[in-house]
C-alpha atoms as a PDB file:
ATOM      1  CA  MET A   1     191.523 103.121 110.485  1.00  0.00           C
ATOM      2  CA  ALA A   2     193.410 100.353 111.090  1.00  0.00           C
ATOM      3  CA  SER A   3     190.588  98.787 113.155  1.00  0.00           C
ATOM      4  CA  ALA A   4     188.054  99.338 109.984  1.00  0.00           C
ATOM      5  CA  THR A   5     190.326  98.240 107.757  1.00  0.00           C
ATOM      6  CA  THR A   6     191.296  94.584 109.871  1.00  0.00           C
ATOM      7  CA  LEU A   7     187.254  94.356 109.990  1.00  0.00           C
ATOM      8  CA  THR A   8     186.921  94.951 106.312  1.00  0.00           C
ATOM      9  CA  SER A   9     189.671  92.163 105.362  1.00  0.00           C
ATOM     10  CA  GLN A  10     188.248  89.987 107.716  1.00  0.00           C
ATOM     11  CA  ALA A  11     184.377  90.206 105.988  1.00  0.00           C
ATOM     12  CA  VAL A  12     185.847  89.490 102.766  1.00  0.00           C
ATOM     13  CA  ARG A  13     187.670  86.195 104.233  1.00  0.00           C
ATOM     14  CA  LEU A  14     184.437  85.050 105.380  1.00  0.00           C
ATOM     15  CA  VAL A  15     182.754  85.006 102.248  1.00  0.00           C
ATOM     16  CA  LYS A  16     185.499  83.722 100.426  1.00  0.00           C
ATOM     17  CA  ARG A  17     185.221  80.798 102.740  1.00  0.00           C
ATOM     18  CA  ILE A  18     181.523  80.724 102.322  1.00  0.00           C
ATOM     19  CA  GLU A  19     182.353  80.788  98.291  1.00  0.00           C
ATOM     20  CA  ARG A  20     184.432  77.195  99.008  1.00  0.00           C
ATOM     21  CA  ALA A  21     181.635  75.913 101.252  1.00  0.00           C
ATOM     22  CA  GLU A  22     180.770  73.103  98.946  1.00  0.00           C
ATOM     23  CA  VAL A  23     178.834  71.798 101.484  1.00  0.00           C
ATOM     24  CA  LEU A  24     176.473  74.785 100.864  1.00  0.00           C
ATOM     25  CA  ASP A  25     175.383  72.744  97.964  1.00  0.00           C
ATOM     26  CA  ARG A  26     173.480  70.248  99.588  1.00  0.00           C
ATOM     27  CA  ILE A  27     170.820  72.440 100.628  1.00  0.00           C
ATOM     28  CA  ALA A  28     171.541  75.571  97.914  1.00  0.00           C
ATOM     29  CA  LYS A  29     169.984  73.139  94.583  1.00  0.00           C
ATOM     30  CA  PRO A  30     167.638  71.651  95.766  1.00  0.00           C
ATOM     31  CA  VAL A  31     166.070  74.873  96.751  1.00  0.00           C
ATOM     32  CA  GLN A  32     167.231  76.157  93.183  1.00  0.00           C
ATOM     33  CA  GLN A  33     165.155  73.678  91.934  1.00  0.00           C
ATOM     34  CA  LEU A  34     161.643  74.673  93.374  1.00  0.00           C
ATOM     35  CA  VAL A  35     162.153  78.165  92.560  1.00  0.00           C
ATOM     36  CA  SER A  36     162.934  77.546  89.730  1.00  0.00           C
ATOM     37  CA  ARG A  37     159.971  75.627  89.272  1.00  0.00           C
ATOM     38  CA  CYS A  38     157.902  77.916  90.972  1.00  0.00           C
ATOM     39  CA  VAL A  39     158.671  81.463  88.597  1.00  0.00           C
ATOM     40  CA  ARG A  40     158.466  79.321  85.149  1.00  0.00           C
ATOM     41  CA  PRO A  41     155.457  80.804  84.059  1.00  0.00           C
ATOM     42  CA  THR A  42     156.417  83.822  81.570  1.00  0.00           C
ATOM     43  CA  ALA A  43     153.933  86.914  83.651  1.00  0.00           C
ATOM     44  CA  MET A  44     155.560  85.275  87.293  1.00  0.00           C
ATOM     45  CA  ARG A  45     159.204  85.770  85.253  1.00  0.00           C
ATOM     46  CA  ASN A  46     158.836  89.096  84.169  1.00  0.00           C
ATOM     47  CA  ALA A  47     156.994  90.143  87.013  1.00  0.00           C
ATOM     48  CA  LEU A  48     160.160  89.627  89.528  1.00  0.00           C
ATOM     49  CA  SER A  49     162.843  89.670  87.355  1.00  0.00           C
ATOM     50  CA  GLY A  50     161.630  93.567  86.195  1.00  0.00           C
ATOM     51  CA  THR A  51     161.575  92.968  82.714  1.00  0.00           C
ATOM     52  CA  ASN A  52     159.360  95.625  82.505  1.00  0.00           C
ATOM     53  CA  LEU A  53     161.287  98.271  84.443  1.00  0.00           C
ATOM     54  CA  GLY A  54     164.080  97.641  82.360  1.00  0.00           C
ATOM     55  CA  HIS A  55     166.413  96.886  85.421  1.00  0.00           C
ATOM     56  CA  PRO A  56     166.535  94.012  88.097  1.00  0.00           C
ATOM     57  CA  LEU A  57     163.572  94.691  90.597  1.00  0.00           C
ATOM     58  CA  HIS A  58     165.259  93.025  93.686  1.00  0.00           C
ATOM     59  CA  PRO A  59     167.965  96.079  94.404  1.00  0.00           C
ATOM     60  CA  LEU A  60     164.680  98.245  94.115  1.00  0.00           C
ATOM     61  CA  LEU A  61     162.921  96.358  96.935  1.00  0.00           C
ATOM     62  CA  THR A  62     165.434  96.200  99.099  1.00  0.00           C
ATOM     63  CA  ASP A  63     165.626 100.039 100.186  1.00  0.00           C
ATOM     64  CA  LEU A  64     161.827  99.620 101.560  1.00  0.00           C
ATOM     65  CA  PRO A  65     162.379  96.789 104.548  1.00  0.00           C
ATOM     66  CA  ILE A  66     165.783  98.529 105.136  1.00  0.00           C
ATOM     67  CA  GLY A  67     164.801 101.948 105.905  1.00  0.00           C
ATOM     68  CA  MET A  68     161.495 101.245 107.031  1.00  0.00           C
ATOM     69  CA  TRP A  69     162.881  98.917 109.217  1.00  0.00           C
ATOM     70  CA  SER A  70     165.967 101.206 110.064  1.00  0.00           C
ATOM     71  CA  ALA A  71     163.650 103.988 110.859  1.00  0.00           C
ATOM     72  CA  ALA A  72     161.846 101.823 113.256  1.00  0.00           C
ATOM     73  CA  ALA A  73     165.214 101.605 115.136  1.00  0.00           C
ATOM     74  CA  ALA A  74     166.051 105.279 115.578  1.00  0.00           C
ATOM     75  CA  VAL A  75     162.511 105.730 116.368  1.00  0.00           C
ATOM     76  CA  ASP A  76     162.670 103.193 118.832  1.00  0.00           C
ATOM     77  CA  ALA A  77     165.677 104.216 120.303  1.00  0.00           C
ATOM     78  CA  LEU A  78     164.871 108.219 120.481  1.00  0.00           C
ATOM     79  CA  GLY A  79     161.149 108.099 120.343  1.00  0.00           C
ATOM     80  CA  GLY A  80     160.434 107.388 123.667  1.00  0.00           C
ATOM     81  CA  PRO A  81     156.420 106.624 124.159  1.00  0.00           C
ATOM     82  CA  ALA A  82     155.162 108.949 121.873  1.00  0.00           C
ATOM     83  CA  GLY A  83     156.893 106.855 119.367  1.00  0.00           C
ATOM     84  CA  GLU A  84     155.622 103.504 119.980  1.00  0.00           C
ATOM     85  CA  SER A  85     152.936 103.904 117.380  1.00  0.00           C
ATOM     86  CA  ALA A  86     155.418 105.072 114.345  1.00  0.00           C
ATOM     87  CA  ALA A  87     157.537 101.999 115.510  1.00  0.00           C
ATOM     88  CA  ASP A  88     155.204  99.672 115.259  1.00  0.00           C
ATOM     89  CA  LEU A  89     153.654 101.109 112.193  1.00  0.00           C
ATOM     90  CA  LEU A  90     157.212 100.960 110.721  1.00  0.00           C
ATOM     91  CA  VAL A  91     158.208  97.069 111.480  1.00  0.00           C
ATOM     92  CA  GLY A  92     154.661  96.099 110.225  1.00  0.00           C
ATOM     93  CA  ALA A  93     155.307  98.004 106.601  1.00  0.00           C
ATOM     94  CA  GLY A  94     158.881  96.592 106.807  1.00  0.00           C
ATOM     95  CA  ILE A  95     157.408  93.139 107.226  1.00  0.00           C
ATOM     96  CA  ALA A  96     155.523  93.561 104.678  1.00  0.00           C
ATOM     97  CA  ALA A  97     157.784  94.550 102.159  1.00  0.00           C
ATOM     98  CA  ALA A  98     160.269  92.135 103.027  1.00  0.00           C
ATOM     99  CA  VAL A  99     158.209  89.404 101.247  1.00  0.00           C
ATOM    100  CA  PRO A 100     157.980  90.758  97.477  1.00  0.00           C
ATOM    101  CA  THR A 101     161.849  91.854  98.566  1.00  0.00           C
ATOM    102  CA  ALA A 102     162.521  88.063  99.365  1.00  0.00           C
ATOM    103  CA  LEU A 103     160.497  86.774  96.337  1.00  0.00           C
ATOM    104  CA  SER A 104     162.267  89.219  93.853  1.00  0.00           C
ATOM    105  CA  GLY A 105     165.807  87.529  95.671  1.00  0.00           C
ATOM    106  CA  PHE A 106     164.733  84.020  95.110  1.00  0.00           C
ATOM    107  CA  ASN A 107     163.976  84.355  91.775  1.00  0.00           C
ATOM    108  CA  ASP A 108     167.363  85.747  91.211  1.00  0.00           C
ATOM    109  CA  TRP A 109     169.551  83.584  92.710  1.00  0.00           C
ATOM    110  CA  SER A 110     168.069  80.946  90.995  1.00  0.00           C
ATOM    111  CA  ASP A 111     169.694  81.882  87.895  1.00  0.00           C
ATOM    112  CA  THR A 112     173.549  81.687  89.529  1.00  0.00           C
ATOM    113  CA  TYR A 113     176.312  78.488  89.795  1.00  0.00           C
ATOM    114  CA  GLY A 114     178.912  77.946  92.426  1.00  0.00           C
ATOM    115  CA  PRO A 115     180.480  80.075  94.974  1.00  0.00           C
ATOM    116  CA  ASP A 116     177.677  82.887  93.635  1.00  0.00           C
ATOM    117  CA  THR A 117     175.181  80.566  94.720  1.00  0.00           C
ATOM    118  CA  ARG A 118     176.535  79.345  98.113  1.00  0.00           C
ATOM    119  CA  VAL A 119     177.287  83.286  98.883  1.00  0.00           C
ATOM    120  CA  GLY A 120     173.630  84.010  97.967  1.00  0.00           C
ATOM    121  CA  LEU A 121     171.885  81.169  99.740  1.00  0.00           C
ATOM    122  CA  VAL A 122     174.027  82.345 103.134  1.00  0.00           C
ATOM    123  CA  HIS A 123     172.526  86.236 101.826  1.00  0.00           C
ATOM    124  CA  ALA A 124     169.237  84.679 101.887  1.00  0.00           C
ATOM    125  CA  ALA A 125     169.427  82.909 105.285  1.00  0.00           C
ATOM    126  CA  ALA A 126     170.513  85.636 107.138  1.00  0.00           C
ATOM    127  CA  ASN A 127     167.988  88.354 105.569  1.00  0.00           C
ATOM    128  CA  SER A 128     165.405  85.207 106.416  1.00  0.00           C
ATOM    129  CA  ALA A 129     166.301  85.447 109.732  1.00  0.00           C
ATOM    130  CA  ALA A 130     166.128  89.089 109.609  1.00  0.00           C
ATOM    131  CA  LEU A 131     162.412  88.618 109.155  1.00  0.00           C
ATOM    132  CA  VAL A 132     161.537  86.452 111.717  1.00  0.00           C
ATOM    133  CA  MET A 133     163.008  88.483 114.293  1.00  0.00           C
ATOM    134  CA  TYR A 134     160.900  91.483 113.341  1.00  0.00           C
ATOM    135  CA  THR A 135     157.780  89.013 113.132  1.00  0.00           C
ATOM    136  CA  ALA A 136     158.235  88.398 116.564  1.00  0.00           C
ATOM    137  CA  SER A 137     159.174  92.098 117.679  1.00  0.00           C
ATOM    138  CA  PHE A 138     155.892  93.173 115.787  1.00  0.00           C
ATOM    139  CA  ALA A 139     154.193  90.221 118.110  1.00  0.00           C
ATOM    140  CA  ALA A 140     155.751  91.158 121.150  1.00  0.00           C
ATOM    141  CA  ARG A 141     155.188  94.659 120.511  1.00  0.00           C
ATOM    142  CA  LYS A 142     151.595  94.043 120.456  1.00  0.00           C
ATOM    143  CA  LEU A 143     151.299  91.785 123.248  1.00  0.00           C
ATOM    144  CA  GLY A 144     152.554  94.549 125.395  1.00  0.00           C
ATOM    145  CA  ARG A 145     156.212  93.928 125.653  1.00  0.00           C
ATOM    146  CA  ARG A 146     157.690  96.506 123.999  1.00  0.00           C
ATOM    147  CA  GLY A 147     161.215  96.000 125.516  1.00  0.00           C
ATOM    148  CA  ALA A 148     161.107  92.261 124.083  1.00  0.00           C
ATOM    149  CA  GLY A 149     159.952  94.076 120.707  1.00  0.00           C
ATOM    150  CA  ARG A 150     162.681  96.625 120.518  1.00  0.00           C
ATOM    151  CA  ALA A 151     165.642  94.162 121.546  1.00  0.00           C
ATOM    152  CA  LEU A 152     164.172  91.856 118.795  1.00  0.00           C
ATOM    153  CA  GLY A 153     164.025  94.563 116.259  1.00  0.00           C
ATOM    154  CA  PHE A 154     167.648  95.674 116.801  1.00  0.00           C
ATOM    155  CA  ALA A 155     168.865  92.186 116.663  1.00  0.00           C
ATOM    156  CA  GLY A 156     166.803  92.021 113.210  1.00  0.00           C
ATOM    157  CA  LEU A 157     168.475  94.692 112.211  1.00  0.00           C
ATOM    158  CA  ALA A 158     171.956  93.809 112.980  1.00  0.00           C
ATOM    159  CA  THR A 159     171.351  90.484 110.678  1.00  0.00           C
ATOM    160  CA  LEU A 160     169.522  92.108 108.291  1.00  0.00           C
ATOM    161  CA  THR A 161     173.280  94.593 108.127  1.00  0.00           C
ATOM    162  CA  VAL A 162     174.991  91.250 107.278  1.00  0.00           C
ATOM    163  CA  GLY A 163     172.836  90.096 104.566  1.00  0.00           C
ATOM    164  CA  GLY A 164     173.099  93.385 103.112  1.00  0.00           C
ATOM    165  CA  TYR A 165     177.153  92.958 103.007  1.00  0.00           C
ATOM    166  CA  ILE A 166     176.693  89.717 101.563  1.00  0.00           C
ATOM    167  CA  GLY A 167     174.220  91.549  99.102  1.00  0.00           C
ATOM    168  CA  GLY A 168     176.391  94.073  97.968  1.00  0.00           C
ATOM    169  CA  TYR A 169     179.621  91.674  97.979  1.00  0.00           C
ATOM    170  CA  LEU A 170     177.385  89.862  95.228  1.00  0.00           C
ATOM    171  CA  SER A 171     176.233  92.987  92.937  1.00  0.00           C
ATOM    172  CA  PHE A 172     179.111  94.954  93.373  1.00  0.00           C
ATOM    173  CA  VAL A 173     182.489  92.497  93.582  1.00  0.00           C
ATOM    174  CA  LYS A 174     181.051  89.548  91.656  1.00  0.00           C
ATOM    175  CA  GLY A 175     178.635  91.119  89.401  1.00  0.00           C
ATOM    176  CA  VAL A 176     175.356  88.729  89.539  1.00  0.00           C
ATOM    177  CA  ASN A 177     172.575  90.159  87.597  1.00  0.00           C
ATOM    178  CA  VAL A 178     174.162  93.362  86.138  1.00  0.00           C
ATOM    179  CA  ASN A 179     173.999  94.230  82.304  1.00  0.00           C
ATOM    180  CA  HIS A 180     176.845  91.703  81.169  1.00  0.00           C
ATOM    181  CA  THR A 181     176.681  94.148  77.599  1.00  0.00           C
ATOM    182  CA  ALA A 182     177.103  97.673  80.031  1.00  0.00           C
ATOM    183  CA  PHE A 183     181.054  98.584  79.721  1.00  0.00           C
ATOM    184  CA  GLU A 184     180.877  97.110  75.584  1.00  0.00           C
ATOM    185  CA  GLU A 185     182.096  99.451  73.218  1.00  0.00           C
ATOM    186  CA  ARG A 186     180.369  99.455  70.128  1.00  0.00           C
ATOM    187  CA  PRO A 187     181.084 101.243  66.780  1.00  0.00           C
ATOM    188  CA  THR A 188     179.179 104.013  66.072  1.00  0.00           C
ATOM    189  CA  ASP A 189     180.455 103.575  62.392  1.00  0.00           C
ATOM    190  CA  TRP A 190     179.766 101.382  59.628  1.00  0.00           C
ATOM    191  CA  THR A 191     181.851  98.593  60.407  1.00  0.00           C
ATOM    192  CA  THR A 192     182.844  95.690  57.986  1.00  0.00           C
ATOM    193  CA  VAL A 193     182.029  92.201  59.832  1.00  0.00           C
ATOM    194  CA  ALA A 194     181.542  89.325  57.094  1.00  0.00           C
ATOM    195  CA  ALA A 195     181.316  88.211  53.763  1.00  0.00           C
ATOM    196  CA  ASP A 196     177.453  88.698  52.680  1.00  0.00           C
ATOM    197  CA  GLU A 197     178.503  84.934  51.327  1.00  0.00           C
ATOM    198  CA  ASP A 198     179.120  83.789  54.882  1.00  0.00           C
ATOM    199  CA  LEU A 199     175.224  83.941  56.114  1.00  0.00           C
ATOM    200  CA  HIS A 200     173.052  82.123  54.376  1.00  0.00           C
ATOM    201  CA  ASP A 201     169.086  82.562  54.683  1.00  0.00           C
ATOM    202  CA  GLY A 202     168.060  80.918  58.450  1.00  0.00           C
ATOM    203  CA  ALA A 203     171.932  80.916  59.222  1.00  0.00           C
ATOM    204  CA  THR A 204     173.357  82.966  62.442  1.00  0.00           C
ATOM    205  CA  LEU A 205     176.565  84.116  62.697  1.00  0.00           C
ATOM    206  CA  LYS A 206     179.013  85.258  65.610  1.00  0.00           C
ATOM    207  CA  VAL A 207     181.225  88.095  64.803  1.00  0.00           C
ATOM    208  CA  ASP A 208     183.738  90.826  65.798  1.00  0.00           C
ATOM    209  CA  ALA A 209     183.116  94.433  65.452  1.00  0.00           C
ATOM    210  CA  GLY A 210     185.564  96.632  66.420  1.00  0.00           C
ATOM    211  CA  GLY A 211     185.999  94.625  69.725  1.00  0.00           C
ATOM    212  CA  ALA A 212     182.102  94.246  70.347  1.00  0.00           C
ATOM    213  CA  SER A 213     180.876  90.964  70.155  1.00  0.00           C
ATOM    214  CA  VAL A 214     177.470  90.768  67.882  1.00  0.00           C
ATOM    215  CA  MET A 215     174.861  87.982  66.523  1.00  0.00           C
ATOM    216  CA  LEU A 216     174.332  88.198  62.794  1.00  0.00           C
ATOM    217  CA  HIS A 217     171.058  86.210  62.057  1.00  0.00           C
ATOM    218  CA  ARG A 218     169.342  86.180  58.284  1.00  0.00           C
ATOM    219  CA  ARG A 219     165.546  85.429  58.212  1.00  0.00           C
ATOM    220  CA  ASP A 220     163.674  85.611  54.844  1.00  0.00           C
ATOM    221  CA  GLY A 221     166.130  87.695  53.135  1.00  0.00           C
ATOM    222  CA  ARG A 222     165.959  90.580  56.496  1.00  0.00           C
ATOM    223  CA  LEU A 223     169.515  90.753  58.698  1.00  0.00           C
ATOM    224  CA  HIS A 224     169.481  90.977  61.969  1.00  0.00           C
ATOM    225  CA  ALA A 225     172.448  92.162  65.069  1.00  0.00           C
ATOM    226  CA  LEU A 226     172.156  92.117  68.206  1.00  0.00           C
ATOM    227  CA  ALA A 227     174.938  91.738  70.608  1.00  0.00           C
ATOM    228  CA  SER A 228     175.905  88.076  71.140  1.00  0.00           C
ATOM    229  CA  THR A 229     176.565  88.458  75.140  1.00  0.00           C
ATOM    230  CA  CYS A 230     172.640  88.147  76.631  1.00  0.00           C
ATOM    231  CA  THR A 231     172.372  91.110  79.137  1.00  0.00           C
ATOM    232  CA  HIS A 232     171.347  88.706  82.516  1.00  0.00           C
ATOM    233  CA  MET A 233     174.234  86.726  82.760  1.00  0.00           C
ATOM    234  CA  GLY A 234     176.862  87.214  79.665  1.00  0.00           C
ATOM    235  CA  GLY A 235     175.322  83.713  77.993  1.00  0.00           C
ATOM    236  CA  PRO A 236     176.265  83.028  74.640  1.00  0.00           C
ATOM    237  CA  LEU A 237     173.067  84.615  72.593  1.00  0.00           C
ATOM    238  CA  ASP A 238     174.354  83.419  69.060  1.00  0.00           C
ATOM    239  CA  GLU A 239     174.236  80.187  70.132  1.00  0.00           C
ATOM    240  CA  GLY A 240     170.854  80.052  71.536  1.00  0.00           C
ATOM    241  CA  ASN A 241     167.045  78.897  69.821  1.00  0.00           C
ATOM    242  CA  ILE A 242     165.789  81.239  66.835  1.00  0.00           C
ATOM    243  CA  ALA A 243     161.930  80.792  66.533  1.00  0.00           C
ATOM    244  CA  ASP A 244     159.170  83.536  66.342  1.00  0.00           C
ATOM    245  CA  GLY A 245     161.259  86.353  65.277  1.00  0.00           C
ATOM    246  CA  CYS A 246     162.976  86.072  68.619  1.00  0.00           C
ATOM    247  CA  VAL A 247     165.968  84.105  69.855  1.00  0.00           C
ATOM    248  CA  THR A 248     166.306  82.310  73.196  1.00  0.00           C
ATOM    249  CA  CYS A 249     169.245  82.593  75.316  1.00  0.00           C
ATOM    250  CA  PRO A 250     170.764  78.553  75.806  1.00  0.00           C
ATOM    251  CA  TRP A 251     171.755  79.301  79.983  1.00  0.00           C
ATOM    252  CA  HIS A 252     168.972  80.941  81.414  1.00  0.00           C
ATOM    253  CA  GLY A 253     166.153  80.864  79.038  1.00  0.00           C
ATOM    254  CA  SER A 254     165.567  84.405  78.504  1.00  0.00           C
ATOM    255  CA  VAL A 255     164.126  85.918  75.373  1.00  0.00           C
ATOM    256  CA  PHE A 256     164.856  88.709  73.237  1.00  0.00           C
ATOM    257  CA  GLN A 257     163.091  90.268  69.848  1.00  0.00           C
ATOM    258  CA  LEU A 258     165.678  90.096  66.903  1.00  0.00           C
ATOM    259  CA  SER A 259     163.866  92.895  65.730  1.00  0.00           C
ATOM    260  CA  ASP A 260     164.692  95.157  68.230  1.00  0.00           C
ATOM    261  CA  GLY A 261     165.862  93.533  71.022  1.00  0.00           C
ATOM    262  CA  ALA A 262     163.150  93.612  73.188  1.00  0.00           C
ATOM    263  CA  VAL A 263     163.044  91.714  76.284  1.00  0.00           C
ATOM    264  CA  VAL A 264     159.900  89.018  75.824  1.00  0.00           C
ATOM    265  CA  ARG A 265     160.583  86.834  78.521  1.00  0.00           C
ATOM    266  CA  GLY A 266     162.650  87.370  81.770  1.00  0.00           C
ATOM    267  CA  PRO A 267     165.418  86.513  83.671  1.00  0.00           C
ATOM    268  CA  ALA A 268     166.284  89.054  81.607  1.00  0.00           C
ATOM    269  CA  SER A 269     165.569  92.535  82.270  1.00  0.00           C
ATOM    270  CA  THR A 270     167.516  94.983  80.435  1.00  0.00           C
ATOM    271  CA  PRO A 271     166.893  95.036  76.517  1.00  0.00           C
ATOM    272  CA  GLN A 272     169.741  93.621  74.534  1.00  0.00           C
ATOM    273  CA  PRO A 273     171.767  96.006  72.369  1.00  0.00           C
ATOM    274  CA  MET A 274     171.500  95.930  68.483  1.00  0.00           C
ATOM    275  CA  TYR A 275     172.831  96.993  65.639  1.00  0.00           C
ATOM    276  CA  GLU A 276     171.979  98.612  62.646  1.00  0.00           C
ATOM    277  CA  THR A 277     172.973  96.316  59.355  1.00  0.00           C
ATOM    278  CA  ARG A 278     173.453  96.847  55.701  1.00  0.00           C
ATOM    279  CA  VAL A 279     175.710  95.445  52.995  1.00  0.00           C
ATOM    280  CA  LEU A 280     177.551  97.224  50.510  1.00  0.00           C
ATOM    281  CA  ASP A 281     179.693  95.746  47.985  1.00  0.00           C
ATOM    282  CA  GLY A 282     179.398  92.441  49.106  1.00  0.00           C
ATOM    283  CA  GLU A 283     180.484  92.731  52.768  1.00  0.00           C
ATOM    284  CA  ILE A 284     177.851  93.068  55.959  1.00  0.00           C
ATOM    285  CA  GLN A 285     178.296  96.408  57.663  1.00  0.00           C
ATOM    286  CA  VAL A 286     177.013  97.603  61.376  1.00  0.00           C
ATOM    287  CA  ARG A 287     176.993  99.932  63.334  1.00  0.00           C
ATOM    288  CA  ALA A 288     175.571 100.290  66.783  1.00  0.00           C
ATOM    289  CA  ALA A 289     171.784 101.441  66.610  1.00  0.00           C
ATOM    290  CA  ALA A 290     171.007 105.483  67.015  1.00  0.00           C
ATOM    291  CA  SER A 291     169.068 105.227  70.520  1.00  0.00           C
ATOM    292  CA  LEU A 292     172.513 103.661  72.158  1.00  0.00           C
ATOM    293  CA  TYR A 293     174.599 106.188  71.756  1.00  0.00           C
END
């Protein structure tokens, strides 16, 4: 138990050192700029972000290469000559699955800042190194060098494990690309948030609804209300540009429909929580939409 605890603390300290390694910014910034240009088209952005899935695409895809390469290692270790063809197939399938997995990961990473960007760069480097090792392993197997192929596969799995640990840190410790409204407690009863006269037509107002931050917008007499915290990275949606019935997050450009919070353009993959609205006795009241409770 003590040795496991020591290993964990050392791993955490290492990741913390990576967070502080500003020298990595020299590599990360130009790569981020390149990735941002490549994923700019809406169709590309939505596909890689998982906009149509309702949650990020990258975590789903990571299971494929990890599962296939782990299975290949098991077959290499226990399958003997009879398992050689199966191991080769699993290695090749893992390589094919790793390509879209990497693309979706780079897409998500392009929206990070500071320490998260540095850790994400090392995460990507480890996984890319694993992909290179598995590609070399596949080539060695096809050339009949099975011993080298197995050795490269085991090395690739070890490297992949390091990358997976760092990826888990980004997701579950740092909360990168999680729904930033997931833990809001939204009022289910009508809650007064502002005087009707405080919100003119075409104006936006940030209000508090029982502890939940809400963005109000009135257009052509119709009142809209969405959570003011962007689901993607927590951006201030109330400061975003509003046009054509949509609001654009000022941080990463996610676009949501005002009418129902649906995602029009990623990188957001989770719809924006919406509120029902009414005006009663000169006061604006909201409550969480029925679909949310």
